[in-house]
Amino acid sequence: MRHVFKIAITSLAAAALAAGCASTPLKTEASTSGIRAAEEVGAASVPQASLHLQLAKEELARAKSLAANDQKEQADSMLLRAEADAELAVALSRVDAEKTEARAAVERVRQLRLDNK
């Protein structure tokens, strides 16, 4: 009976050790949602935003590759870069949309001035 008890304890200890050593899954949610947000605001059609969107996608893929090779710290760093590039793509897309809207407003004002002369 004692022998079975020792085997059970050894098995539990080995399982706990294996669980402790197992790598935690890569948390890609922030990067993926940032990339999705950039795509939704039209980053692909704005040259500078498109560049950062592409970088974000490549960095996310690189992070997954690093994680698969047990390089967690580098993978986490690459995820942060992907998230930052995705956020920049969103911001650049919004700036472009606001510039376009401002140009259209200026043109409407010009047209109104011409109509009222």
N, C-alpha and C. Protein backbone atom coordinates (compact mmCIF):
# COMPACT_ATOMS: atom_id res chain seq x y z
N MET A 1 0.82 -1.19 0.00
CA MET A 1 0.00 0.00 0.00
C MET A 1 0.87 1.26 0.00
N ARG A 2 1.93 1.20 0.80
CA ARG A 2 2.83 2.34 0.85
C ARG A 2 3.48 2.58 -0.49
N HIS A 3 3.79 1.53 -1.19
CA HIS A 3 4.43 1.63 -2.50
C HIS A 3 3.48 2.33 -3.49
N VAL A 4 2.22 1.99 -3.47
CA VAL A 4 1.22 2.61 -4.35
C VAL A 4 1.09 4.09 -4.01
N PHE A 5 1.12 4.42 -2.72
CA PHE A 5 1.02 5.80 -2.27
C PHE A 5 2.21 6.62 -2.79
N LYS A 6 3.42 6.05 -2.72
CA LYS A 6 4.61 6.75 -3.21
C LYS A 6 4.54 6.97 -4.72
N ILE A 7 4.04 5.98 -5.43
CA ILE A 7 3.90 6.11 -6.88
C ILE A 7 2.89 7.21 -7.21
N ALA A 8 1.80 7.25 -6.48
CA ALA A 8 0.77 8.27 -6.71
C ALA A 8 1.32 9.66 -6.45
N ILE A 9 2.07 9.82 -5.35
CA ILE A 9 2.66 11.11 -5.03
C ILE A 9 3.68 11.51 -6.09
N THR A 10 4.49 10.57 -6.51
CA THR A 10 5.48 10.85 -7.55
C THR A 10 4.81 11.25 -8.85
N SER A 11 3.73 10.58 -9.19
CA SER A 11 2.98 10.92 -10.41
C SER A 11 2.38 12.31 -10.33
N LEU A 12 1.81 12.63 -9.17
CA LEU A 12 1.23 13.97 -8.99
C LEU A 12 2.31 15.05 -9.06
N ALA A 13 3.45 14.79 -8.46
CA ALA A 13 4.54 15.76 -8.48
C ALA A 13 5.04 15.96 -9.92
N ALA A 14 5.15 14.89 -10.67
CA ALA A 14 5.59 14.98 -12.05
C ALA A 14 4.58 15.76 -12.89
N ALA A 15 3.30 15.51 -12.65
CA ALA A 15 2.25 16.22 -13.38
C ALA A 15 2.28 17.71 -13.04
N ALA A 16 2.45 18.03 -11.77
CA ALA A 16 2.52 19.43 -11.36
C ALA A 16 3.73 20.12 -11.98
N LEU A 17 4.85 19.41 -11.99
CA LEU A 17 6.06 19.97 -12.58
C LEU A 17 5.88 20.21 -14.07
N ALA A 18 5.27 19.26 -14.74
CA ALA A 18 5.03 19.40 -16.18
C ALA A 18 4.07 20.55 -16.46
N ALA A 19 3.05 20.70 -15.63
CA ALA A 19 2.09 21.80 -15.81
C ALA A 19 2.77 23.13 -15.57
N GLY A 20 3.65 23.18 -14.59
CA GLY A 20 4.37 24.42 -14.30
C GLY A 20 5.33 24.80 -15.41
N CYS A 21 5.89 23.83 -16.08
CA CYS A 21 6.84 24.09 -17.15
C CYS A 21 6.16 24.34 -18.49
N ALA A 22 4.92 23.92 -18.58
CA ALA A 22 4.22 24.09 -19.85
C ALA A 22 4.08 25.58 -20.15
N SER A 23 4.31 25.91 -21.38
CA SER A 23 4.24 27.32 -21.74
C SER A 23 2.78 27.78 -21.78
N THR A 24 2.58 29.01 -21.34
CA THR A 24 1.24 29.56 -21.40
C THR A 24 0.95 29.93 -22.85
N PRO A 25 -0.29 29.83 -23.24
CA PRO A 25 -0.61 30.13 -24.63
C PRO A 25 -0.34 31.61 -24.95
N LEU A 26 0.02 31.86 -26.17
CA LEU A 26 0.31 33.21 -26.64
C LEU A 26 -0.99 34.00 -26.69
N LYS A 27 -1.00 35.18 -26.11
CA LYS A 27 -2.22 36.00 -26.06
C LYS A 27 -2.22 36.97 -27.24
N THR A 28 -2.87 36.55 -28.30
CA THR A 28 -2.87 37.33 -29.55
C THR A 28 -4.12 38.18 -29.73
N GLU A 29 -5.02 38.17 -28.75
CA GLU A 29 -6.30 38.84 -28.92
C GLU A 29 -6.16 40.33 -29.24
N ALA A 30 -5.30 41.04 -28.49
CA ALA A 30 -5.15 42.48 -28.70
C ALA A 30 -4.60 42.78 -30.10
N SER A 31 -3.60 42.00 -30.50
CA SER A 31 -3.02 42.23 -31.83
C SER A 31 -4.02 41.90 -32.94
N THR A 32 -4.72 40.80 -32.78
CA THR A 32 -5.67 40.40 -33.82
C THR A 32 -6.82 41.37 -33.91
N SER A 33 -7.31 41.84 -32.76
CA SER A 33 -8.42 42.79 -32.82
C SER A 33 -7.94 44.14 -33.37
N GLY A 34 -6.70 44.52 -33.08
CA GLY A 34 -6.16 45.74 -33.64
C GLY A 34 -6.05 45.66 -35.16
N ILE A 35 -5.60 44.52 -35.64
CA ILE A 35 -5.49 44.31 -37.10
C ILE A 35 -6.88 44.35 -37.73
N ARG A 36 -7.83 43.71 -37.09
CA ARG A 36 -9.21 43.69 -37.60
C ARG A 36 -9.78 45.11 -37.63
N ALA A 37 -9.52 45.89 -36.58
CA ALA A 37 -10.00 47.27 -36.52
C ALA A 37 -9.39 48.10 -37.65
N ALA A 38 -8.10 47.91 -37.90
CA ALA A 38 -7.43 48.64 -38.98
C ALA A 38 -8.03 48.28 -40.33
N GLU A 39 -8.34 47.02 -40.52
CA GLU A 39 -8.96 46.61 -41.78
C GLU A 39 -10.35 47.22 -41.92
N GLU A 40 -11.09 47.28 -40.83
CA GLU A 40 -12.46 47.81 -40.87
C GLU A 40 -12.51 49.30 -41.16
N VAL A 41 -11.50 50.06 -40.73
CA VAL A 41 -11.51 51.50 -41.00
C VAL A 41 -10.87 51.83 -42.34
N GLY A 42 -10.47 50.82 -43.09
CA GLY A 42 -9.97 51.03 -44.44
C GLY A 42 -8.49 51.31 -44.54
N ALA A 43 -7.71 50.79 -43.61
CA ALA A 43 -6.27 51.03 -43.62
C ALA A 43 -5.60 50.53 -44.90
N ALA A 44 -6.16 49.53 -45.50
CA ALA A 44 -5.55 48.97 -46.72
C ALA A 44 -5.56 49.96 -47.87
N SER A 45 -6.46 50.94 -47.84
CA SER A 45 -6.55 51.90 -48.95
C SER A 45 -5.79 53.20 -48.69
N VAL A 46 -5.15 53.30 -47.52
CA VAL A 46 -4.33 54.48 -47.19
C VAL A 46 -2.88 54.03 -47.18
N PRO A 47 -2.05 54.56 -48.07
CA PRO A 47 -0.68 54.04 -48.22
C PRO A 47 0.11 53.86 -46.92
N GLN A 48 0.21 54.90 -46.10
CA GLN A 48 0.98 54.78 -44.85
C GLN A 48 0.32 53.79 -43.89
N ALA A 49 -0.99 53.85 -43.79
CA ALA A 49 -1.72 52.93 -42.92
C ALA A 49 -1.57 51.49 -43.40
N SER A 50 -1.59 51.32 -44.71
CA SER A 50 -1.45 49.99 -45.30
C SER A 50 -0.10 49.37 -44.94
N LEU A 51 0.92 50.20 -44.95
CA LEU A 51 2.26 49.72 -44.58
C LEU A 51 2.26 49.19 -43.14
N HIS A 52 1.69 49.96 -42.23
CA HIS A 52 1.69 49.53 -40.83
C HIS A 52 0.75 48.36 -40.58
N LEU A 53 -0.31 48.28 -41.34
CA LEU A 53 -1.20 47.11 -41.26
C LEU A 53 -0.45 45.85 -41.68
N GLN A 54 0.29 45.95 -42.77
CA GLN A 54 1.08 44.81 -43.24
C GLN A 54 2.14 44.42 -42.22
N LEU A 55 2.81 45.42 -41.65
CA LEU A 55 3.80 45.14 -40.61
C LEU A 55 3.16 44.41 -39.42
N ALA A 56 1.99 44.87 -39.01
CA ALA A 56 1.29 44.25 -37.89
C ALA A 56 0.99 42.77 -38.18
N LYS A 57 0.55 42.50 -39.39
CA LYS A 57 0.25 41.12 -39.77
C LYS A 57 1.51 40.25 -39.75
N GLU A 58 2.60 40.80 -40.29
CA GLU A 58 3.86 40.06 -40.32
C GLU A 58 4.40 39.84 -38.90
N GLU A 59 4.27 40.85 -38.05
CA GLU A 59 4.75 40.72 -36.67
C GLU A 59 3.92 39.71 -35.89
N LEU A 60 2.62 39.66 -36.14
CA LEU A 60 1.77 38.66 -35.49
C LEU A 60 2.20 37.26 -35.91
N ALA A 61 2.44 37.08 -37.19
CA ALA A 61 2.89 35.77 -37.69
C ALA A 61 4.24 35.40 -37.08
N ARG A 62 5.12 36.37 -37.00
CA ARG A 62 6.45 36.14 -36.41
C ARG A 62 6.32 35.78 -34.93
N ALA A 63 5.42 36.44 -34.22
CA ALA A 63 5.21 36.14 -32.80
C ALA A 63 4.73 34.69 -32.62
N LYS A 64 3.84 34.27 -33.48
CA LYS A 64 3.35 32.89 -33.40
C LYS A 64 4.48 31.90 -33.67
N SER A 65 5.33 32.23 -34.61
CA SER A 65 6.47 31.37 -34.93
C SER A 65 7.45 31.31 -33.75
N LEU A 66 7.73 32.46 -33.16
CA LEU A 66 8.62 32.50 -31.99
C LEU A 66 8.05 31.69 -30.83
N ALA A 67 6.75 31.82 -30.60
CA ALA A 67 6.11 31.08 -29.51
C ALA A 67 6.19 29.58 -29.76
N ALA A 68 6.03 29.19 -31.01
CA ALA A 68 6.12 27.77 -31.35
C ALA A 68 7.52 27.22 -31.10
N ASN A 69 8.52 28.10 -31.14
CA ASN A 69 9.90 27.70 -30.88
C ASN A 69 10.34 28.00 -29.45
N ASP A 70 9.36 28.13 -28.56
CA ASP A 70 9.61 28.38 -27.13
C ASP A 70 10.43 29.64 -26.87
N GLN A 71 10.20 30.66 -27.64
CA GLN A 71 10.86 31.95 -27.43
C GLN A 71 9.79 32.95 -26.99
N LYS A 72 9.26 32.70 -25.79
CA LYS A 72 8.10 33.46 -25.28
C LYS A 72 8.37 34.95 -25.14
N GLU A 73 9.51 35.34 -24.60
CA GLU A 73 9.79 36.76 -24.41
C GLU A 73 9.83 37.50 -25.74
N GLN A 74 10.50 36.93 -26.71
CA GLN A 74 10.57 37.55 -28.03
C GLN A 74 9.19 37.58 -28.68
N ALA A 75 8.41 36.53 -28.47
CA ALA A 75 7.06 36.47 -29.02
C ALA A 75 6.19 37.56 -28.41
N ASP A 76 6.28 37.74 -27.09
CA ASP A 76 5.51 38.78 -26.42
C ASP A 76 5.91 40.16 -26.93
N SER A 77 7.19 40.37 -27.12
CA SER A 77 7.68 41.64 -27.65
C SER A 77 7.16 41.88 -29.06
N MET A 78 7.17 40.85 -29.87
CA MET A 78 6.68 40.98 -31.25
C MET A 78 5.18 41.26 -31.26
N LEU A 79 4.45 40.69 -30.30
CA LEU A 79 3.01 40.96 -30.20
C LEU A 79 2.76 42.43 -29.87
N LEU A 80 3.58 42.98 -28.99
CA LEU A 80 3.44 44.40 -28.66
C LEU A 80 3.69 45.27 -29.88
N ARG A 81 4.68 44.90 -30.67
CA ARG A 81 4.97 45.65 -31.90
C ARG A 81 3.79 45.53 -32.88
N ALA A 82 3.22 44.35 -32.98
CA ALA A 82 2.09 44.14 -33.88
C ALA A 82 0.90 44.99 -33.44
N GLU A 83 0.66 45.01 -32.15
CA GLU A 83 -0.46 45.80 -31.63
C GLU A 83 -0.23 47.30 -31.89
N ALA A 84 0.99 47.76 -31.66
CA ALA A 84 1.31 49.17 -31.89
C ALA A 84 1.17 49.54 -33.36
N ASP A 85 1.64 48.69 -34.25
CA ASP A 85 1.51 48.97 -35.68
C ASP A 85 0.05 48.96 -36.12
N ALA A 86 -0.74 48.07 -35.57
CA ALA A 86 -2.17 48.03 -35.90
C ALA A 86 -2.86 49.31 -35.43
N GLU A 87 -2.53 49.76 -34.22
CA GLU A 87 -3.11 51.00 -33.70
C GLU A 87 -2.69 52.20 -34.55
N LEU A 88 -1.44 52.21 -34.98
CA LEU A 88 -0.97 53.29 -35.84
C LEU A 88 -1.70 53.27 -37.18
N ALA A 89 -1.94 52.10 -37.71
CA ALA A 89 -2.69 51.99 -38.97
C ALA A 89 -4.09 52.55 -38.81
N VAL A 90 -4.73 52.28 -37.69
CA VAL A 90 -6.06 52.82 -37.42
C VAL A 90 -6.00 54.35 -37.36
N ALA A 91 -5.03 54.87 -36.61
CA ALA A 91 -4.91 56.32 -36.46
C ALA A 91 -4.65 57.00 -37.80
N LEU A 92 -3.75 56.43 -38.59
CA LEU A 92 -3.44 57.01 -39.90
C LEU A 92 -4.66 56.97 -40.83
N SER A 93 -5.44 55.92 -40.73
CA SER A 93 -6.65 55.82 -41.55
C SER A 93 -7.66 56.88 -41.15
N ARG A 94 -7.80 57.10 -39.86
CA ARG A 94 -8.75 58.12 -39.38
C ARG A 94 -8.30 59.52 -39.78
N VAL A 95 -7.01 59.78 -39.69
CA VAL A 95 -6.48 61.08 -40.11
C VAL A 95 -6.77 61.31 -41.58
N ASP A 96 -6.55 60.30 -42.40
CA ASP A 96 -6.81 60.42 -43.82
C ASP A 96 -8.29 60.69 -44.08
N ALA A 97 -9.16 59.99 -43.37
CA ALA A 97 -10.60 60.19 -43.54
C ALA A 97 -11.00 61.60 -43.12
N GLU A 98 -10.40 62.10 -42.04
CA GLU A 98 -10.72 63.45 -41.58
C GLU A 98 -10.22 64.50 -42.56
N LYS A 99 -9.05 64.28 -43.15
CA LYS A 99 -8.53 65.21 -44.16
C LYS A 99 -9.45 65.24 -45.37
N THR A 100 -9.91 64.07 -45.79
CA THR A 100 -10.81 64.00 -46.93
C THR A 100 -12.11 64.73 -46.63
N GLU A 101 -12.63 64.54 -45.43
CA GLU A 101 -13.86 65.21 -45.02
C GLU A 101 -13.65 66.72 -44.96
N ALA A 102 -12.51 67.16 -44.45
CA ALA A 102 -12.22 68.59 -44.37
C ALA A 102 -12.11 69.21 -45.76
N ARG A 103 -11.47 68.51 -46.67
CA ARG A 103 -11.36 69.02 -48.05
C ARG A 103 -12.75 69.16 -48.68
N ALA A 104 -13.60 68.18 -48.43
CA ALA A 104 -14.95 68.23 -48.99
C ALA A 104 -15.72 69.41 -48.39
N ALA A 105 -15.54 69.66 -47.11
CA ALA A 105 -16.23 70.79 -46.46
C ALA A 105 -15.74 72.11 -47.05
N VAL A 106 -14.45 72.24 -47.25
CA VAL A 106 -13.89 73.46 -47.85
C VAL A 106 -14.45 73.65 -49.25
N GLU A 107 -14.54 72.59 -49.99
CA GLU A 107 -15.09 72.68 -51.35
C GLU A 107 -16.55 73.09 -51.32
N ARG A 108 -17.34 72.58 -50.38
CA ARG A 108 -18.75 72.98 -50.26
C ARG A 108 -18.86 74.47 -49.94
N VAL A 109 -17.98 74.96 -49.06
CA VAL A 109 -17.99 76.38 -48.71
C VAL A 109 -17.65 77.22 -49.94
N ARG A 110 -16.66 76.82 -50.69
CA ARG A 110 -16.30 77.54 -51.93
C ARG A 110 -17.49 77.60 -52.89
N GLN A 111 -18.13 76.46 -53.02
CA GLN A 111 -19.27 76.39 -53.94
C GLN A 111 -20.41 77.29 -53.46
N LEU A 112 -20.67 77.31 -52.17
CA LEU A 112 -21.71 78.17 -51.62
C LEU A 112 -21.39 79.64 -51.85
N ARG A 113 -20.13 79.99 -51.68
CA ARG A 113 -19.72 81.37 -51.91
C ARG A 113 -19.91 81.77 -53.38
N LEU A 114 -19.58 80.84 -54.27
CA LEU A 114 -19.78 81.13 -55.69
C LEU A 114 -21.26 81.27 -56.02
N ASP A 115 -22.08 80.44 -55.43
CA ASP A 115 -23.53 80.46 -55.68
C ASP A 115 -24.18 81.73 -55.14
N ASN A 116 -23.62 82.30 -54.09
CA ASN A 116 -24.23 83.46 -53.44
C ASN A 116 -23.70 84.79 -53.97
N LYS A 117 -22.88 84.81 -54.97
CA LYS A 117 -22.36 86.06 -55.52
C LYS A 117 -23.32 86.70 -56.44
